[in-house]
Amino acid sequence: MIYKSDEEIKSEVLFQLGWDSRINQTEIGVIVRKGVVTLTGMVDSYARKLAAQRAAHRVPGVLDVANDIEVTIPGGMQRTDSDIARAVRQALDWNTMVPADKIHTTVSNGWVTLEGDVEFYRERLDAERAVGHLSGVRGVINKIKVCANVEPQRVKFLIEDVLERRADREAERIKVAVDDGEVTLSGAVNSWEEKKSILGAVSHTPGVTAVHDRLFIDPYHLHIEKAMSGSMKGV
């Protein structure tokens, strides 16, 4: 990948924000420093806040995104917590990927808290996605626990196997550690899309109860160059 300056990255992020019909570009500020994008401003829904974050991540060369956008619901769009709670329950009930009967919710000042026990980590994520786009929601706090009964070594084997089958994955750059179902991924990936895809694959692995993401984006392979430079000094 050709190296991009912070100004080039900022220009492309602004283009992505302007291209996405869900986002009003004039409401959002963009700061870029050493490839890290900070988003500021105010939007009228949690869904738009997440949409802006995803738009920034789509730009090649972006290493990370700090989403400092605030959600402020206009008077005409505000809903009572009771209304939001009913919408949340309906969204969970209608989502076939979520065991709605195992999840209970609380809504306070537009913030939705999810609690309960599920069998798969992906169900935890799916529940959060199901309610995050609802009108009136200012944010989601996910306290759902994953109760799985799979040996850690089996979980590690399954994850390493699925990652090895990925064509865009450089095996030597990613390390997998499993502790009682909690998976820690560390190492370098080429892009946010690759990172997102890897995290998605891991979240669908049976036995995973939590994922700790320590992957960093290294599109220019600077990490490898530094490692090689360090090893050459010892020769």
Protein backbone atom coordinates (compact mmCIF):
# COMPACT_ATOMS: atom_id res chain seq x y z
CA MET A 1 0.00 0.00 0.00
CA ILE A 2 1.18 3.52 -0.82
CA TYR A 3 1.80 5.59 2.31
CA LYS A 4 -0.92 8.17 2.99
CA SER A 5 -0.48 11.43 4.86
CA ASP A 6 -2.90 12.44 7.61
CA GLU A 7 -4.38 15.07 5.29
CA GLU A 8 -5.04 12.46 2.60
CA ILE A 9 -6.70 10.17 5.13
CA LYS A 10 -8.83 13.03 6.46
CA SER A 11 -9.96 13.91 2.94
CA GLU A 12 -11.00 10.31 2.25
CA VAL A 13 -12.80 9.99 5.60
CA LEU A 14 -14.77 13.16 4.84
CA PHE A 15 -15.65 11.72 1.43
CA GLN A 16 -16.93 8.51 3.04
CA LEU A 17 -19.00 10.48 5.54
CA GLY A 18 -20.49 12.57 2.74
CA TRP A 19 -21.22 9.51 0.60
CA ASP A 20 -23.18 7.68 3.33
CA SER A 21 -26.81 8.83 3.19
CA ARG A 22 -27.31 8.02 6.90
CA ILE A 23 -24.78 10.67 7.92
CA ASN A 24 -24.91 14.46 7.82
CA GLN A 25 -21.26 15.28 7.20
CA THR A 26 -21.64 18.84 8.52
CA GLU A 27 -22.43 17.47 11.99
CA ILE A 28 -19.14 15.60 12.33
CA GLY A 29 -15.60 16.80 12.89
CA VAL A 30 -12.59 14.75 11.79
CA ILE A 31 -9.08 14.88 13.26
CA VAL A 32 -6.30 12.61 12.01
CA ARG A 33 -2.97 12.11 13.73
CA LYS A 34 -0.51 9.43 12.65
CA GLY A 35 -3.29 7.44 11.00
CA VAL A 36 -5.61 7.53 14.03
CA VAL A 37 -8.97 9.18 13.29
CA THR A 38 -10.94 11.01 15.97
CA LEU A 39 -14.60 11.74 15.25
CA THR A 40 -16.38 14.54 17.11
CA GLY A 41 -19.72 16.32 16.90
CA MET A 42 -23.35 15.45 17.60
CA VAL A 43 -25.83 13.17 15.84
CA ASP A 44 -29.47 12.35 16.52
CA SER A 45 -29.14 8.57 16.92
CA TYR A 46 -26.79 5.86 18.13
CA ALA A 47 -27.13 4.18 14.74
CA ARG A 48 -25.71 7.27 12.99
CA LYS A 49 -22.81 7.37 15.46
CA LEU A 50 -21.92 3.77 14.58
CA ALA A 51 -22.41 4.47 10.86
CA ALA A 52 -19.87 7.30 11.04
CA GLN A 53 -17.40 5.01 12.78
CA ARG A 54 -17.79 2.31 10.14
CA ALA A 55 -17.40 4.91 7.36
CA ALA A 56 -14.07 6.04 8.81
CA HIS A 57 -12.87 2.45 9.16
CA ARG A 58 -13.54 1.85 5.45
CA VAL A 59 -10.71 4.20 4.46
CA PRO A 60 -7.45 2.34 3.68
CA GLY A 61 -4.62 3.62 5.84
CA VAL A 62 -6.78 4.30 8.91
CA LEU A 63 -5.14 2.57 11.88
CA ASP A 64 -7.84 3.18 14.47
CA VAL A 65 -10.93 5.29 15.14
CA ALA A 66 -11.77 7.13 18.37
CA ASN A 67 -15.50 7.81 18.29
CA ASP A 68 -16.20 10.86 20.47
CA ILE A 69 -19.47 11.71 18.73
CA GLU A 70 -22.30 12.53 21.15
CA VAL A 71 -25.86 11.32 20.66
CA THR A 72 -28.44 14.05 21.30
CA ILE A 73 -32.05 13.16 20.53
CA PRO A 74 -34.08 16.17 19.24
CA GLY A 75 -37.31 16.92 21.07
CA GLY A 76 -39.50 15.69 18.24
CA MET A 77 -37.67 12.36 18.05
CA GLN A 78 -37.47 11.62 21.77
CA ARG A 79 -39.19 8.51 23.09
CA THR A 80 -39.94 7.53 26.65
CA ASP A 81 -37.89 4.75 28.21
CA SER A 82 -41.07 2.64 28.27
CA ASP A 83 -41.52 3.08 24.51
CA ILE A 84 -37.88 2.17 23.89
CA ALA A 85 -38.15 -0.86 26.18
CA ARG A 86 -41.12 -2.17 24.20
CA ALA A 87 -39.26 -1.62 20.91
CA VAL A 88 -36.19 -3.40 22.31
CA ARG A 89 -38.23 -6.42 23.36
CA GLN A 90 -39.93 -6.57 19.98
CA ALA A 91 -36.58 -6.35 18.16
CA LEU A 92 -35.16 -9.21 20.22
CA ASP A 93 -38.28 -11.34 19.77
CA TRP A 94 -38.24 -10.88 16.00
CA ASN A 95 -34.53 -11.67 15.61
CA THR A 96 -34.17 -15.39 14.94
CA MET A 97 -30.43 -15.26 15.72
CA VAL A 98 -31.05 -14.18 19.31
CA PRO A 99 -32.44 -16.32 22.19
CA ALA A 100 -34.77 -13.53 23.32
CA ASP A 101 -36.20 -15.54 26.22
CA LYS A 102 -32.73 -15.65 27.82
CA ILE A 103 -32.14 -11.90 27.65
CA HIS A 104 -33.64 -9.21 29.87
CA THR A 105 -33.25 -5.49 29.38
CA THR A 106 -33.31 -2.20 31.22
CA VAL A 107 -33.72 1.25 29.66
CA SER A 108 -32.64 4.40 31.46
CA ASN A 109 -32.48 7.83 29.81
CA GLY A 110 -32.28 6.18 26.40
CA TRP A 111 -29.44 3.82 27.37
CA VAL A 112 -30.24 0.14 26.90
CA THR A 113 -28.64 -2.43 29.22
CA LEU A 114 -28.68 -6.06 28.08
CA GLU A 115 -28.27 -8.89 30.60
CA GLY A 116 -28.71 -12.65 30.67
CA ASP A 117 -26.92 -15.86 29.68
CA VAL A 118 -26.47 -17.21 26.15
CA GLU A 119 -24.70 -20.22 24.68
CA PHE A 120 -22.70 -18.55 21.90
CA TYR A 121 -20.65 -15.35 21.78
CA ARG A 122 -22.19 -14.38 18.44
CA GLU A 123 -25.62 -14.31 20.15
CA ARG A 124 -24.26 -11.68 22.53
CA LEU A 125 -23.14 -9.56 19.59
CA ASP A 126 -26.34 -10.13 17.61
CA ALA A 127 -28.46 -8.95 20.54
CA GLU A 128 -26.54 -5.68 20.70
CA ARG A 129 -26.84 -5.13 16.95
CA ALA A 130 -30.57 -5.84 17.08
CA VAL A 131 -31.31 -2.94 19.43
CA GLY A 132 -28.58 -0.42 18.54
CA HIS A 133 -30.43 0.94 15.49
CA LEU A 134 -33.73 1.62 17.27
CA SER A 135 -35.09 5.16 17.37
CA GLY A 136 -34.47 6.92 20.68
CA VAL A 137 -31.56 4.70 21.74
CA ARG A 138 -28.57 6.75 22.92
CA GLY A 139 -26.27 3.82 23.62
CA VAL A 140 -26.07 0.11 24.50
CA ILE A 141 -24.42 -1.49 27.56
CA ASN A 142 -23.90 -5.20 26.92
CA LYS A 143 -23.66 -7.29 30.10
CA ILE A 144 -24.76 -10.57 28.53
CA LYS A 145 -22.67 -13.53 29.69
CA VAL A 146 -21.71 -16.49 27.51
CA CYS A 147 -21.95 -19.88 29.19
CA ALA A 148 -20.07 -22.41 27.04
CA ASN A 149 -18.71 -25.84 27.90
CA VAL A 150 -15.84 -26.48 25.50
CA GLU A 151 -12.25 -27.30 26.47
CA PRO A 152 -9.90 -24.31 25.98
CA GLN A 153 -7.50 -26.36 23.84
CA ARG A 154 -10.40 -27.34 21.59
CA VAL A 155 -11.41 -23.68 21.25
CA LYS A 156 -7.83 -22.71 20.37
CA PHE A 157 -7.62 -25.48 17.77
CA LEU A 158 -10.91 -24.44 16.14
CA ILE A 159 -9.88 -20.78 15.94
CA GLU A 160 -6.42 -21.49 14.54
CA ASP A 161 -7.95 -23.88 12.02
CA VAL A 162 -10.49 -21.34 10.74
CA LEU A 163 -7.85 -18.61 10.54
CA GLU A 164 -5.43 -20.86 8.66
CA ARG A 165 -8.10 -21.37 5.99
CA ARG A 166 -8.39 -17.64 5.38
CA ALA A 167 -6.69 -16.57 2.15
CA ASP A 168 -6.00 -13.02 3.37
CA ARG A 169 -4.50 -14.02 6.67
CA GLU A 170 -0.74 -14.01 7.28
CA ALA A 171 -0.54 -16.77 9.89
CA GLU A 172 2.74 -15.70 11.43
CA ARG A 173 1.39 -12.25 12.25
CA ILE A 174 -1.49 -13.33 14.52
CA LYS A 175 -1.30 -15.08 17.88
CA VAL A 176 -4.21 -16.79 19.62
CA ALA A 177 -4.46 -17.34 23.38
CA VAL A 178 -7.42 -18.96 25.15
CA ASP A 179 -8.14 -18.85 28.87
CA ASP A 180 -11.35 -20.54 29.99
CA GLY A 181 -13.16 -19.56 26.80
CA GLU A 182 -11.82 -16.00 26.72
CA VAL A 183 -9.88 -15.48 23.50
CA THR A 184 -7.10 -12.93 23.11
CA LEU A 185 -5.99 -12.08 19.58
CA SER A 186 -2.75 -10.19 19.11
CA GLY A 187 -0.54 -9.26 16.18
CA ALA A 188 -0.86 -7.28 12.97
CA VAL A 189 -3.40 -7.21 10.15
CA ASN A 190 -3.36 -5.33 6.86
CA SER A 191 -6.67 -3.48 7.12
CA TRP A 192 -9.78 -2.85 9.18
CA GLU A 193 -11.78 -5.10 6.85
CA GLU A 194 -9.37 -7.97 7.53
CA LYS A 195 -9.54 -7.31 11.26
CA LYS A 196 -13.35 -7.18 11.17
CA SER A 197 -13.50 -10.44 9.22
CA ILE A 198 -11.15 -12.20 11.66
CA LEU A 199 -13.12 -11.01 14.69
CA GLY A 200 -16.32 -12.16 13.00
CA ALA A 201 -14.92 -15.63 12.35
CA VAL A 202 -13.72 -15.96 15.94
CA SER A 203 -17.06 -14.81 17.37
CA HIS A 204 -18.79 -17.72 15.61
CA THR A 205 -16.45 -20.33 17.11
CA PRO A 206 -18.15 -22.68 19.63
CA GLY A 207 -16.81 -22.31 23.16
CA VAL A 208 -15.80 -18.65 22.86
CA THR A 209 -17.13 -16.63 25.81
CA ALA A 210 -15.30 -13.32 25.20
CA VAL A 211 -12.90 -11.81 22.66
CA HIS A 212 -10.09 -9.46 23.66
CA ASP A 213 -8.97 -7.62 20.55
CA ARG A 214 -5.31 -6.65 20.63
CA LEU A 215 -4.85 -6.72 16.88
CA PHE A 216 -3.35 -3.62 15.33
CA ILE A 217 -3.56 -2.44 11.75
CA ASP A 218 -0.22 -2.35 9.93
CA PRO A 219 -0.99 -1.65 6.25
CA TYR A 220 2.57 -0.66 5.42
CA HIS A 221 4.16 -3.68 7.18
CA LEU A 222 6.20 -1.34 9.34
CA HIS A 223 6.07 -3.81 12.22
CA ILE A 224 7.73 -6.48 10.09
CA GLU A 225 10.37 -4.05 8.84
CA LYS A 226 11.24 -3.01 12.40
CA ALA A 227 11.46 -6.64 13.50
CA MET A 228 13.74 -7.50 10.58
CA SER A 229 15.88 -4.43 11.24
CA GLY A 230 16.25 -5.44 14.87
CA SER A 231 17.25 -8.99 13.97
CA MET A 232 19.83 -7.76 11.45
CA LYS A 233 21.54 -5.69 14.15
CA GLY A 234 22.36 -8.87 16.00
CA VAL A 235 24.05 -10.42 12.95
